Every structure is written in C-alpha cells, then in structure tokens.
N, C-alpha and C. Protein backbone atom coordinates (compact mmCIF):
# COMPACT_ATOMS: atom_id res chain seq x y z
N UNK A 1 0.87 -1.26 0.07
CA UNK A 1 0.05 -0.03 -0.03
C UNK A 1 0.83 1.27 -0.11
N UNK A 2 1.90 1.32 0.89
CA UNK A 2 2.72 2.52 0.88
C UNK A 2 3.50 2.63 -0.48
N UNK A 3 3.99 1.62 -1.10
CA UNK A 3 4.60 1.68 -2.29
C UNK A 3 3.92 2.19 -3.40
N UNK A 4 2.48 1.88 -3.39
CA UNK A 4 1.72 2.31 -4.23
C UNK A 4 1.28 4.03 -4.08
N UNK A 5 1.46 4.24 -2.78
CA UNK A 5 1.40 5.69 -2.51
C UNK A 5 2.61 6.52 -2.94
N UNK A 6 3.67 5.93 -2.73
CA UNK A 6 4.97 6.56 -3.20
C UNK A 6 5.10 6.87 -4.72
N UNK A 7 4.47 5.84 -5.43
CA UNK A 7 4.38 6.01 -6.87
C UNK A 7 3.50 7.00 -7.41
N UNK A 8 2.38 7.33 -6.73
CA UNK A 8 1.39 8.30 -7.17
C UNK A 8 1.51 9.59 -6.33
N UNK A 9 1.40 10.54 -6.95
CA UNK A 9 1.23 11.86 -6.12
C UNK A 9 -0.11 12.01 -5.63
N UNK A 10 -0.12 12.26 -4.21
CA UNK A 10 -1.29 12.24 -3.47
C UNK A 10 -2.06 13.48 -3.78
N UNK A 11 -3.40 13.34 -3.87
CA UNK A 11 -4.18 14.60 -4.12
C UNK A 11 -4.62 14.92 -2.64
N UNK A 12 -4.46 16.30 -2.27
CA UNK A 12 -4.63 16.64 -0.93
C UNK A 12 -5.86 17.74 -1.08
N UNK A 13 -6.41 17.80 0.11
CA UNK A 13 -7.49 18.64 0.22
C UNK A 13 -6.84 20.10 0.44
N UNK A 14 -7.74 21.20 0.42
CA UNK A 14 -7.06 22.58 0.66
C UNK A 14 -6.39 22.69 1.97
N UNK A 15 -6.54 21.88 2.87
CA UNK A 15 -5.62 22.14 4.20
C UNK A 15 -4.30 21.21 3.98
N UNK A 16 -4.24 20.63 2.66
CA UNK A 16 -3.06 19.83 2.44
C UNK A 16 -3.00 18.35 2.96
N UNK A 17 -4.20 17.98 3.46
CA UNK A 17 -4.13 16.59 3.94
C UNK A 17 -5.01 15.74 2.74
N UNK A 18 -4.68 14.47 2.63
CA UNK A 18 -5.44 13.83 1.51
C UNK A 18 -6.89 13.48 2.00
N UNK A 19 -7.81 13.58 1.09
CA UNK A 19 -9.30 13.39 1.43
C UNK A 19 -9.59 11.94 1.61
N UNK A 20 -10.70 11.83 2.24
CA UNK A 20 -11.13 10.37 2.58
C UNK A 20 -11.36 9.58 1.34
N UNK A 21 -11.91 10.16 0.18
CA UNK A 21 -12.15 9.61 -0.94
C UNK A 21 -10.86 9.42 -1.84
N UNK A 22 -9.92 10.19 -1.54
CA UNK A 22 -8.61 10.12 -2.05
C UNK A 22 -7.93 8.87 -1.43
N UNK A 23 -7.93 8.70 -0.31
CA UNK A 23 -7.49 7.64 0.27
C UNK A 23 -8.08 6.26 -0.02
N UNK A 24 -9.41 6.24 -0.20
CA UNK A 24 -10.13 5.18 -0.40
C UNK A 24 -9.81 4.71 -1.93
N UNK A 25 -9.81 5.70 -2.79
CA UNK A 25 -9.52 5.30 -4.27
C UNK A 25 -8.23 4.88 -4.41
N UNK A 26 -7.20 5.52 -3.64
CA UNK A 26 -5.66 5.10 -3.60
C UNK A 26 -5.84 3.68 -2.94
N UNK A 27 -6.28 3.34 -1.99
CA UNK A 27 -6.21 2.09 -1.32
C UNK A 27 -6.86 0.91 -2.32
N UNK A 28 -7.88 1.24 -2.94
CA UNK A 28 -8.59 0.31 -3.94
C UNK A 28 -7.79 0.13 -5.11
N UNK A 29 -7.34 -1.19 -5.46
CA UNK A 29 -6.68 -1.13 -6.65
C UNK A 29 -7.53 -0.78 -7.91
N UNK A 30 -7.11 0.08 -8.75
CA UNK A 30 -7.77 0.67 -9.94
C UNK A 30 -9.08 1.41 -9.66
N UNK A 31 -9.25 1.83 -8.30
CA UNK A 31 -10.47 2.56 -7.98
C UNK A 31 -10.52 4.06 -8.81
N UNK A 32 -9.46 4.79 -8.83
CA UNK A 32 -9.33 5.84 -9.65
C UNK A 32 -9.86 5.72 -11.15
N UNK A 33 -9.10 4.64 -11.65
CA UNK A 33 -9.58 4.29 -13.02
C UNK A 33 -10.93 3.89 -13.25
N UNK A 34 -11.44 3.17 -12.30
CA UNK A 34 -12.89 2.81 -12.49
C UNK A 34 -13.79 4.05 -12.47
N UNK A 35 -13.35 4.82 -11.59
CA UNK A 35 -14.41 6.11 -11.42
C UNK A 35 -14.04 6.96 -12.66
N UNK A 36 -13.02 7.11 -13.10
CA UNK A 36 -12.87 7.87 -14.41
C UNK A 36 -13.48 7.29 -15.57
N UNK A 37 -13.48 5.84 -15.73
CA UNK A 37 -14.20 5.02 -16.70
C UNK A 37 -15.74 5.31 -16.61
N UNK A 38 -16.24 5.21 -15.43
CA UNK A 38 -17.47 5.51 -15.12
C UNK A 38 -17.97 6.83 -15.61
N UNK A 39 -17.19 7.80 -15.07
CA UNK A 39 -17.51 9.25 -15.70
C UNK A 39 -17.56 9.18 -17.00
N UNK A 40 -16.64 8.75 -17.69
CA UNK A 40 -16.68 8.84 -19.14
C UNK A 40 -17.71 8.07 -19.83
N UNK A 41 -18.01 7.01 -19.25
CA UNK A 41 -19.19 6.14 -19.80
C UNK A 41 -20.43 7.07 -19.73
N UNK A 42 -20.53 7.70 -18.48
CA UNK A 42 -22.00 8.55 -18.28
C UNK A 42 -21.87 9.77 -19.27
N UNK A 43 -20.66 10.24 -19.40
CA UNK A 43 -20.63 11.61 -20.54
C UNK A 43 -21.07 10.90 -21.82
N UNK A 44 -20.32 9.66 -22.31
CA UNK A 44 -20.69 9.24 -23.56
C UNK A 44 -22.09 8.90 -23.71
N UNK A 45 -22.78 8.32 -22.61
CA UNK A 45 -24.29 8.16 -22.61
C UNK A 45 -25.07 9.33 -22.78
N UNK A 46 -24.58 10.32 -22.18
CA UNK A 46 -25.32 11.66 -22.14
C UNK A 46 -25.25 12.32 -23.55
N UNK A 47 -23.96 12.35 -24.15
CA UNK A 47 -23.77 12.77 -25.41
C UNK A 47 -24.64 11.92 -26.65
N UNK A 48 -24.64 10.67 -26.28
CA UNK A 48 -25.45 9.78 -27.36
C UNK A 48 -26.98 10.07 -27.07
N UNK A 49 -27.51 10.35 -25.89
CA UNK A 49 -28.80 10.65 -25.68
C UNK A 49 -28.98 12.03 -26.39
N UNK A 50 -28.10 13.09 -26.28
CA UNK A 50 -28.34 14.22 -26.78
C UNK A 50 -28.39 14.29 -28.35
N UNK A 51 -27.51 13.48 -28.98
CA UNK A 51 -27.34 13.12 -30.38
C UNK A 51 -28.63 12.72 -30.88
N UNK A 52 -29.23 11.55 -30.17
CA UNK A 52 -30.25 10.86 -30.65
C UNK A 52 -31.42 11.85 -30.70
N UNK A 53 -31.67 12.79 -29.63
CA UNK A 53 -32.59 13.78 -29.53
C UNK A 53 -32.49 14.64 -30.66
N UNK A 54 -31.15 15.20 -30.90
CA UNK A 54 -31.14 15.96 -32.10
C UNK A 54 -31.44 15.34 -33.39
N UNK A 55 -31.13 14.04 -33.60
CA UNK A 55 -31.49 13.32 -34.81
C UNK A 55 -32.98 13.18 -34.92
N UNK A 56 -33.72 13.02 -33.79
CA UNK A 56 -35.18 12.87 -33.84
C UNK A 56 -35.88 14.20 -34.50
N UNK A 57 -35.23 15.36 -33.78
CA UNK A 57 -35.78 16.60 -34.22
C UNK A 57 -35.48 16.94 -35.55
N UNK A 58 -34.19 16.54 -36.06
CA UNK A 58 -33.97 16.76 -37.48
C UNK A 58 -34.83 15.96 -38.31
N UNK A 59 -35.01 14.73 -37.96
CA UNK A 59 -36.00 13.93 -38.85
C UNK A 59 -37.34 14.34 -38.90
N UNK A 60 -37.88 14.94 -37.84
CA UNK A 60 -39.22 15.58 -37.61
C UNK A 60 -39.29 16.71 -38.58
N UNK A 61 -38.26 17.61 -38.49
CA UNK A 61 -38.01 18.74 -39.28
C UNK A 61 -38.07 18.55 -40.72
N UNK A 62 -37.14 17.54 -41.10
CA UNK A 62 -37.08 17.02 -42.55
C UNK A 62 -38.65 16.57 -43.08
N UNK A 63 -39.20 15.72 -42.22
CA UNK A 63 -40.52 15.19 -42.70
C UNK A 63 -41.56 16.39 -42.85
N UNK A 64 -41.46 17.22 -41.79
CA UNK A 64 -42.44 18.56 -41.89
C UNK A 64 -42.08 19.48 -43.25
N UNK A 65 -40.79 19.62 -43.45
CA UNK A 65 -40.42 20.30 -44.61
C UNK A 65 -40.96 19.56 -45.94
N UNK A 66 -40.66 18.15 -45.91
CA UNK A 66 -41.15 17.46 -47.10
C UNK A 66 -42.71 17.68 -47.40
N UNK A 67 -43.45 17.50 -46.28
CA UNK A 67 -44.91 17.57 -46.39
C UNK A 67 -45.26 18.91 -46.93
N UNK A 68 -44.68 20.00 -46.31
CA UNK A 68 -44.87 21.42 -46.66
C UNK A 68 -44.71 21.54 -48.13
N UNK A 69 -43.48 21.18 -48.50
CA UNK A 69 -43.10 21.23 -50.16
C UNK A 69 -44.07 20.49 -50.99
N UNK A 70 -44.49 19.41 -50.56
CA UNK A 70 -45.36 18.54 -51.33
C UNK A 70 -46.85 19.20 -51.33
N UNK A 71 -47.31 19.78 -50.35
CA UNK A 71 -48.47 20.68 -50.36
C UNK A 71 -48.36 21.90 -51.34
N UNK A 72 -47.26 22.52 -51.12
CA UNK A 72 -46.97 23.81 -52.11
C UNK A 72 -46.99 23.42 -53.48
N UNK A 73 -46.32 22.19 -53.72
CA UNK A 73 -46.32 21.80 -55.18
C UNK A 73 -47.55 21.33 -55.61
N UNK A 74 -48.39 20.80 -54.79
CA UNK A 74 -49.76 20.47 -55.24
C UNK A 74 -50.59 21.60 -55.65
N UNK A 75 -50.45 22.72 -54.67
CA UNK A 75 -51.14 23.97 -54.79
C UNK A 75 -50.71 24.60 -56.16
N UNK A 76 -49.41 24.66 -56.33
CA UNK A 76 -48.76 25.20 -57.54
C UNK A 76 -49.30 24.47 -58.97
N UNK A 77 -49.38 23.18 -58.90
CA UNK A 77 -49.85 22.49 -59.98
C UNK A 77 -51.32 22.75 -60.21
N UNK A 78 -52.12 22.90 -59.29
CA UNK A 78 -53.55 22.95 -59.27
C UNK A 78 -53.83 24.47 -59.88
N UNK A 79 -53.09 25.47 -59.63
CA UNK A 79 -53.46 26.83 -59.91
C UNK A 79 -52.41 27.21 -60.89
N UNK A 80 -51.61 26.42 -61.65
CA UNK A 80 -50.62 26.99 -62.54
C UNK A 80 -51.26 27.59 -63.74
N UNK A 81 -52.35 27.23 -64.17
CA UNK A 81 -53.02 27.81 -65.39
C UNK A 81 -53.71 29.26 -64.97
N UNK A 82 -53.83 29.63 -63.65
CA UNK A 82 -54.65 30.74 -63.28
C UNK A 82 -54.00 31.85 -63.78
N UNK A 83 -52.76 32.10 -64.02
CA UNK A 83 -52.43 33.42 -64.41
C UNK A 83 -52.68 33.39 -66.03
N UNK A 84 -52.57 32.30 -66.71
CA UNK A 84 -52.66 32.46 -68.12
C UNK A 84 -54.24 32.87 -68.40
N UNK A 85 -54.99 32.01 -67.67
CA UNK A 85 -56.54 32.07 -67.68
C UNK A 85 -56.85 33.67 -67.52
N UNK A 86 -56.38 34.09 -66.43
CA UNK A 86 -56.64 35.57 -66.23
C UNK A 86 -56.23 36.58 -67.39
N UNK A 87 -55.05 36.12 -68.02
CA UNK A 87 -54.73 37.17 -69.23
C UNK A 87 -55.54 36.78 -70.34
N UNK A 88 -56.24 35.74 -70.46
CA UNK A 88 -57.29 35.24 -71.58
C UNK A 88 -58.62 35.95 -71.41
N UNK A 89 -58.88 36.10 -70.21
CA UNK A 89 -60.31 36.82 -70.20
C UNK A 89 -60.64 38.03 -70.90
N UNK A 90 -59.63 39.16 -70.94
CA UNK A 90 -59.93 40.19 -71.90
C UNK A 90 -60.31 39.88 -73.30
N UNK A 91 -59.59 38.89 -73.75
CA UNK A 91 -59.81 38.39 -75.18
C UNK A 91 -61.35 37.80 -75.26
N UNK A 92 -61.69 37.27 -74.26
CA UNK A 92 -63.10 36.66 -74.28
C UNK A 92 -64.08 37.82 -74.24
N UNK A 93 -63.74 38.93 -73.22
CA UNK A 93 -64.62 40.11 -73.36
C UNK A 93 -64.54 40.82 -74.69
N UNK A 94 -63.38 40.97 -75.36
CA UNK A 94 -63.42 41.56 -76.61
C UNK A 94 -64.23 40.79 -77.63
N UNK A 95 -64.11 39.59 -77.65
CA UNK A 95 -64.96 38.77 -78.51
C UNK A 95 -66.54 39.04 -78.33
N UNK A 96 -66.82 39.03 -77.03
CA UNK A 96 -68.30 39.47 -76.65
C UNK A 96 -68.66 40.70 -77.02
N UNK A 97 -67.95 41.64 -76.89
CA UNK A 97 -68.08 43.11 -77.42
C UNK A 97 -68.26 43.21 -79.07
N UNK A 98 -67.31 42.37 -79.57
CA UNK A 98 -67.36 42.38 -81.21
C UNK A 98 -68.60 41.84 -81.58
N UNK A 99 -69.10 40.64 -80.97
CA UNK A 99 -70.29 39.96 -81.40
C UNK A 99 -71.51 40.91 -81.08
N UNK A 100 -71.42 41.59 -80.02
CA UNK A 100 -72.56 42.56 -79.68
C UNK A 100 -72.56 43.76 -80.86
N UNK A 101 -71.44 44.26 -81.08
CA UNK A 101 -71.37 45.29 -82.05
C UNK A 101 -71.87 44.83 -83.35
N UNK A 102 -71.48 43.58 -83.71
CA UNK A 102 -71.87 43.07 -85.04
C UNK A 102 -73.33 42.98 -84.88
N UNK A 103 -74.04 42.74 -84.11
CA UNK A 103 -75.58 42.54 -84.22
C UNK A 103 -76.18 44.06 -84.14
N UNK A 104 -75.44 45.04 -83.78
CA UNK A 104 -76.03 46.45 -83.73
C UNK A 104 -75.81 47.05 -85.00
N UNK A 105 -74.83 46.59 -85.75
CA UNK A 105 -74.58 47.21 -87.04
C UNK A 105 -74.31 46.11 -88.27
N UNK A 106 -74.54 46.75 -89.46
CA UNK A 106 -74.45 45.91 -90.65
C UNK A 106 -73.06 46.14 -91.21
N UNK A 107 -72.18 47.00 -90.58
CA UNK A 107 -70.80 47.18 -91.22
C UNK A 107 -69.96 46.13 -90.63
N UNK A 108 -69.63 45.41 -91.71
CA UNK A 108 -68.72 44.11 -91.45
C UNK A 108 -67.31 44.58 -91.10
N UNK A 109 -66.89 45.82 -91.62
CA UNK A 109 -65.44 46.19 -91.31
C UNK A 109 -65.33 46.38 -89.72
N UNK A 110 -66.30 46.77 -89.10
CA UNK A 110 -66.14 47.20 -87.65
C UNK A 110 -65.98 45.87 -86.91
N UNK A 111 -66.73 44.94 -87.28
CA UNK A 111 -66.87 43.59 -86.80
C UNK A 111 -65.34 42.85 -86.86
N UNK A 112 -64.90 43.10 -88.30
CA UNK A 112 -63.65 42.55 -88.73
C UNK A 112 -62.56 43.31 -87.75
N UNK A 113 -62.65 44.47 -87.65
CA UNK A 113 -61.56 45.32 -86.77
C UNK A 113 -61.63 44.82 -85.32
N UNK A 114 -62.64 44.54 -84.72
CA UNK A 114 -62.80 44.05 -83.53
C UNK A 114 -62.24 42.58 -83.24
N UNK A 115 -62.55 41.88 -84.22
CA UNK A 115 -62.04 40.28 -84.25
C UNK A 115 -60.47 40.43 -84.19
N UNK A 116 -59.99 41.32 -85.20
CA UNK A 116 -58.63 41.45 -85.38
C UNK A 116 -57.76 41.95 -84.13
N UNK A 117 -58.50 42.88 -83.53
CA UNK A 117 -57.89 43.49 -82.13
C UNK A 117 -57.79 42.37 -81.20
N UNK A 118 -58.88 41.66 -81.05
CA UNK A 118 -58.87 40.64 -80.24
C UNK A 118 -57.99 39.44 -80.51
N UNK A 119 -57.61 39.24 -81.71
CA UNK A 119 -56.72 38.17 -82.16
C UNK A 119 -55.32 38.64 -81.71
N UNK A 120 -54.93 39.91 -82.04
CA UNK A 120 -53.82 40.44 -81.61
C UNK A 120 -53.59 40.36 -80.16
N UNK A 121 -54.57 40.72 -79.43
CA UNK A 121 -54.49 40.71 -77.85
C UNK A 121 -54.15 39.21 -77.51
N UNK A 122 -54.90 38.20 -78.07
CA UNK A 122 -54.70 36.93 -77.69
C UNK A 122 -53.30 36.42 -77.93
N UNK A 123 -52.71 36.88 -79.18
CA UNK A 123 -51.30 36.57 -79.57
C UNK A 123 -50.38 37.19 -78.57
N UNK A 124 -50.71 38.41 -78.13
CA UNK A 124 -49.70 38.96 -77.24
C UNK A 124 -49.73 38.36 -75.91
N UNK A 125 -50.79 37.90 -75.54
CA UNK A 125 -50.98 37.06 -74.27
C UNK A 125 -50.10 35.77 -74.36
N UNK A 126 -50.47 35.16 -75.35
CA UNK A 126 -49.47 33.85 -75.54
C UNK A 126 -48.08 34.18 -75.54
N UNK A 127 -47.90 35.26 -76.33
CA UNK A 127 -46.39 35.48 -76.22
C UNK A 127 -45.58 35.92 -74.98
N UNK A 128 -46.52 36.40 -74.13
CA UNK A 128 -45.98 36.65 -72.77
C UNK A 128 -45.83 35.61 -71.68
N UNK A 129 -46.48 34.52 -72.18
CA UNK A 129 -46.41 33.21 -71.41
C UNK A 129 -45.33 32.37 -72.15
N UNK A 130 -44.70 32.76 -73.24
CA UNK A 130 -43.80 31.80 -73.88
C UNK A 130 -44.08 31.07 -75.07
N UNK A 131 -45.38 31.43 -75.60
CA UNK A 131 -45.91 30.57 -76.79
C UNK A 131 -45.48 31.69 -77.96
N UNK A 132 -44.91 30.88 -79.04
CA UNK A 132 -44.51 31.75 -80.20
C UNK A 132 -45.03 30.94 -81.53
N UNK A 133 -45.39 31.65 -82.55
CA UNK A 133 -46.05 31.14 -83.71
C UNK A 133 -44.80 30.56 -84.64
N UNK A 134 -45.09 29.61 -85.31
CA UNK A 134 -43.89 29.21 -86.30
C UNK A 134 -44.37 29.80 -87.66
N UNK A 135 -43.57 30.56 -88.03
CA UNK A 135 -43.74 31.23 -89.42
C UNK A 135 -42.93 30.24 -90.42
N UNK A 136 -43.81 29.72 -91.32
CA UNK A 136 -43.09 28.72 -92.20
C UNK A 136 -43.08 28.96 -93.61
N UNK A 137 -43.92 29.86 -94.28
CA UNK A 137 -44.01 29.91 -95.69
C UNK A 137 -42.79 30.23 -96.17
N UNK A 138 -42.21 29.66 -97.27
CA UNK A 138 -40.86 30.03 -97.90
C UNK A 138 -39.70 29.28 -97.10
N UNK A 139 -39.90 28.68 -96.15
CA UNK A 139 -39.03 27.85 -95.35
C UNK A 139 -38.84 26.70 -95.76
N UNK A 140 -37.58 25.96 -95.64
CA UNK A 140 -37.36 24.55 -95.93
C UNK A 140 -38.28 23.63 -95.03
N UNK A 141 -38.93 22.63 -95.72
CA UNK A 141 -39.61 21.71 -94.91
C UNK A 141 -39.04 21.08 -94.04
N UNK A 142 -39.48 20.98 -92.72
CA UNK A 142 -38.79 20.45 -91.55
C UNK A 142 -39.85 19.66 -90.82
N UNK A 143 -39.57 18.16 -90.87
CA UNK A 143 -40.88 17.41 -90.30
C UNK A 143 -40.90 17.41 -88.68
N UNK A 144 -39.90 18.15 -88.02
CA UNK A 144 -39.92 18.34 -86.62
C UNK A 144 -40.84 19.55 -86.24
N UNK A 145 -41.19 20.44 -87.42
CA UNK A 145 -41.91 21.59 -87.01
C UNK A 145 -43.16 21.66 -87.94
N UNK A 146 -43.12 20.78 -89.11
CA UNK A 146 -44.28 20.98 -89.97
C UNK A 146 -44.83 19.47 -90.26
N UNK A 147 -46.11 19.69 -90.55
CA UNK A 147 -46.91 18.42 -90.85
C UNK A 147 -47.42 18.65 -92.39
N UNK A 148 -46.79 17.82 -93.22
CA UNK A 148 -47.21 17.99 -94.67
C UNK A 148 -48.60 17.39 -94.86
N UNK A 149 -49.33 18.12 -95.42
CA UNK A 149 -50.75 17.65 -95.84
C UNK A 149 -50.83 17.21 -97.19
N UNK A 150 -50.05 17.89 -98.17
CA UNK A 150 -50.07 17.52 -99.42
C UNK A 150 -48.80 18.24 -100.13
N UNK A 151 -48.71 18.03 -101.28
CA UNK A 151 -47.46 18.64 -102.17
C UNK A 151 -48.05 19.09 -103.55
N UNK A 152 -47.53 20.28 -103.76
CA UNK A 152 -48.07 21.03 -105.06
C UNK A 152 -46.80 21.42 -105.89
N UNK A 153 -47.05 21.66 -107.17
CA UNK A 153 -45.93 22.17 -107.81
C UNK A 153 -45.89 23.54 -107.86
N UNK A 154 -44.80 24.20 -107.97
CA UNK A 154 -44.83 25.85 -107.97
C UNK A 154 -43.64 26.33 -108.96
N UNK A 155 -43.86 27.30 -109.69
CA UNK A 155 -42.67 27.79 -110.18
C UNK A 155 -42.08 28.85 -109.44
N UNK A 156 -42.64 29.39 -108.26
CA UNK A 156 -42.13 30.28 -107.56
C UNK A 156 -41.33 29.85 -106.22
N UNK A 157 -41.61 28.71 -105.85
CA UNK A 157 -41.03 28.15 -104.64
C UNK A 157 -40.06 26.95 -105.09
N UNK A 158 -38.94 26.89 -104.37
CA UNK A 158 -37.93 25.73 -104.48
C UNK A 158 -38.61 24.63 -103.98
N UNK A 159 -38.29 23.41 -104.48
CA UNK A 159 -38.77 22.13 -104.04
C UNK A 159 -38.51 21.82 -102.57
N UNK A 160 -39.45 21.17 -101.86
CA UNK A 160 -39.10 20.86 -100.49
C UNK A 160 -39.19 22.00 -99.54
N UNK A 161 -39.91 23.16 -100.04
CA UNK A 161 -40.14 24.30 -99.13
C UNK A 161 -41.53 24.42 -98.97
N UNK A 162 -42.02 25.16 -97.88
CA UNK A 162 -43.39 25.16 -97.39
C UNK A 162 -43.93 26.24 -98.49
N UNK A 163 -45.00 25.72 -99.14
CA UNK A 163 -45.60 26.61 -100.26
C UNK A 163 -46.72 27.33 -99.37
N UNK A 164 -47.60 26.60 -98.69
CA UNK A 164 -48.80 27.24 -98.09
C UNK A 164 -48.89 26.84 -96.70
N UNK A 165 -49.40 27.67 -95.95
CA UNK A 165 -49.91 27.04 -94.44
C UNK A 165 -51.25 27.00 -94.33
N UNK A 166 -51.58 25.73 -93.98
CA UNK A 166 -53.15 25.58 -93.71
C UNK A 166 -53.45 25.96 -92.21
N UNK A 167 -52.68 25.60 -91.36
CA UNK A 167 -52.88 25.95 -89.90
C UNK A 167 -51.48 26.17 -89.19
N UNK A 168 -51.54 27.31 -88.37
CA UNK A 168 -50.36 27.64 -87.89
C UNK A 168 -49.79 26.64 -86.77
N UNK A 169 -48.44 26.58 -86.63
CA UNK A 169 -47.77 25.80 -85.47
C UNK A 169 -47.22 26.67 -84.53
N UNK A 170 -47.09 26.28 -83.48
CA UNK A 170 -46.72 27.07 -82.24
C UNK A 170 -45.61 26.30 -81.17
N UNK A 171 -44.60 27.09 -80.72
CA UNK A 171 -43.77 26.68 -79.83
C UNK A 171 -44.22 27.07 -78.56
N UNK A 172 -43.79 26.48 -77.44
CA UNK A 172 -44.10 26.80 -75.97
C UNK A 172 -42.76 26.64 -75.58
N UNK A 173 -41.98 27.94 -75.31
CA UNK A 173 -40.67 28.09 -74.95
C UNK A 173 -39.81 27.14 -75.95
N UNK A 174 -39.21 26.21 -75.65
CA UNK A 174 -38.22 25.40 -76.39
C UNK A 174 -38.92 24.16 -76.87
N UNK A 175 -40.24 23.85 -76.64
CA UNK A 175 -40.98 22.83 -77.14
C UNK A 175 -42.04 22.99 -78.14
N UNK A 176 -42.08 22.17 -78.92
CA UNK A 176 -43.18 22.30 -80.11
C UNK A 176 -44.62 21.76 -79.34
N UNK A 177 -45.61 22.92 -79.35
CA UNK A 177 -46.87 22.77 -78.85
C UNK A 177 -47.73 22.21 -80.06
N UNK A 178 -47.61 22.62 -81.32
CA UNK A 178 -48.33 22.06 -82.30
C UNK A 178 -47.58 22.33 -83.61
N UNK A 179 -47.49 21.27 -84.43
CA UNK A 179 -46.76 21.41 -85.78
C UNK A 179 -47.68 22.06 -86.67
N UNK A 180 -47.01 22.87 -87.54
CA UNK A 180 -47.78 23.70 -88.58
C UNK A 180 -48.33 22.73 -89.63
N UNK A 181 -49.56 22.79 -89.92
CA UNK A 181 -49.95 21.97 -91.14
C UNK A 181 -49.80 22.77 -92.41
N UNK A 182 -49.11 22.14 -93.37
CA UNK A 182 -48.45 22.95 -94.52
C UNK A 182 -48.74 22.14 -95.78
N UNK A 183 -48.58 22.95 -97.13
CA UNK A 183 -48.51 22.08 -98.27
C UNK A 183 -47.10 22.47 -98.55
N UNK A 184 -46.56 21.43 -99.25
CA UNK A 184 -44.96 21.58 -99.69
C UNK A 184 -44.89 21.52 -101.02
N UNK A 185 -43.99 22.38 -101.54
CA UNK A 185 -43.61 22.49 -102.92
C UNK A 185 -42.91 21.15 -103.51
N UNK A 186 -43.44 20.66 -104.54
CA UNK A 186 -42.99 19.43 -105.04
C UNK A 186 -41.96 19.58 -106.31
N UNK A 187 -41.75 20.98 -106.60
CA UNK A 187 -40.92 21.34 -107.83
C UNK A 187 -41.66 22.10 -108.79
N UNK A 188 -40.89 22.23 -109.92
CA UNK A 188 -41.54 22.85 -111.01
C UNK A 188 -42.71 22.27 -111.52
N UNK A 189 -43.87 22.98 -112.01
CA UNK A 189 -44.94 22.32 -112.61
C UNK A 189 -44.52 21.59 -113.77
N UNK A 190 -45.25 20.48 -114.15
CA UNK A 190 -44.94 19.80 -115.31
C UNK A 190 -45.45 20.53 -116.49
N UNK A 191 -44.44 20.32 -117.66
CA UNK A 191 -44.81 21.24 -118.87
C UNK A 191 -45.72 20.45 -119.68
N UNK A 192 -46.76 21.22 -120.16
CA UNK A 192 -47.68 20.41 -121.09
C UNK A 192 -48.66 21.01 -121.30
C-alpha cells in the first residue's frame, strides 16, 4: 500500500491533507481508473442521448419540410394555369363586345376590326407566356416543325419548301406545342 502511494502523487484537500475519498481510491486497486471510466461512460451516454434527440428533431423537421413542399407543389400545379386564364379573359370580353357590335350594325369592317384586335391581344398574351408562332411559308420543310398535308408544284418556290400554311404551328418556350400543317412544294410544274 505504501509503495503504491509513493508511486502516485497524493491529491490533497485545501488543508494539505489527503481526503477520505482520495485515500479510499488510492487504497482500492484501480479505484481511480474505475471512477474515471464510469464518468467517461456516463458522459458518453449523455452525449449519445443528446445526439439521438437532435437526430429525432432533425428527422421531424425534415418530414415537416417534405410535407410542406409537397402541399406547395400540389397547390402550384392546381393553380398553374390561373395566370394564363386571367390573361385570356380580356380576349373573351373583346369577342363578346365584337359580337354585340356586329348585331347592332351591318358594317362588317367594324366587326372585322374588333375580331382582329382580339386576335392580336390573344397573340400578345400567348407571347407573354412563352408561346410563339412558327412562321413557315418559304422555309425549308422540317418534319420536326411541319406536318405535310400535301404537295403542290410551283414555279415560284424551290422544291421541299413550304408553299402554303393551312394551320399555324406553335412553340411553347423550347418545345413544339403544335406542328404547322402545310402544303410543300414538289418542284416545278409539269410542262404540257
């Protein structure tokens, strides 16, 4: 026992005497090491508990965020067209006014002017949302943008170019919304 005390530096109380717990720990083989390990184990368990609680809170936060984003996405999809529809309403109003004007007057030019203004307004609305017309008369035929309805000979247009447009095509941003329906030039007319 005394040899063990000589090897270790004694921990003394404020008065300079060893405390009772120090003596008991020093007298018990490995007592100090056991209490240190017990303290470290208790600290490790406390840290593990805190980490588990943080993990549970993070998992709950993640789940709540995922649910909120899903609700927001569903709402956005549900009302995605609302802005476009609101932009189209003035076109409907203008068509109704043009029809009312057409019933009040026999002047077809007034009715035509109203319809043309409505058409321009609708095109402007579509352009604001990213819709663009495909202008194709005189352009080389492109099966990715054009749908050929028939072929016609023409002395004024090169072969395999769009001669006439039957129905306009449209792009929405970088995607084809609708192909243009066209008549394609087959080349020069046959002599005869």
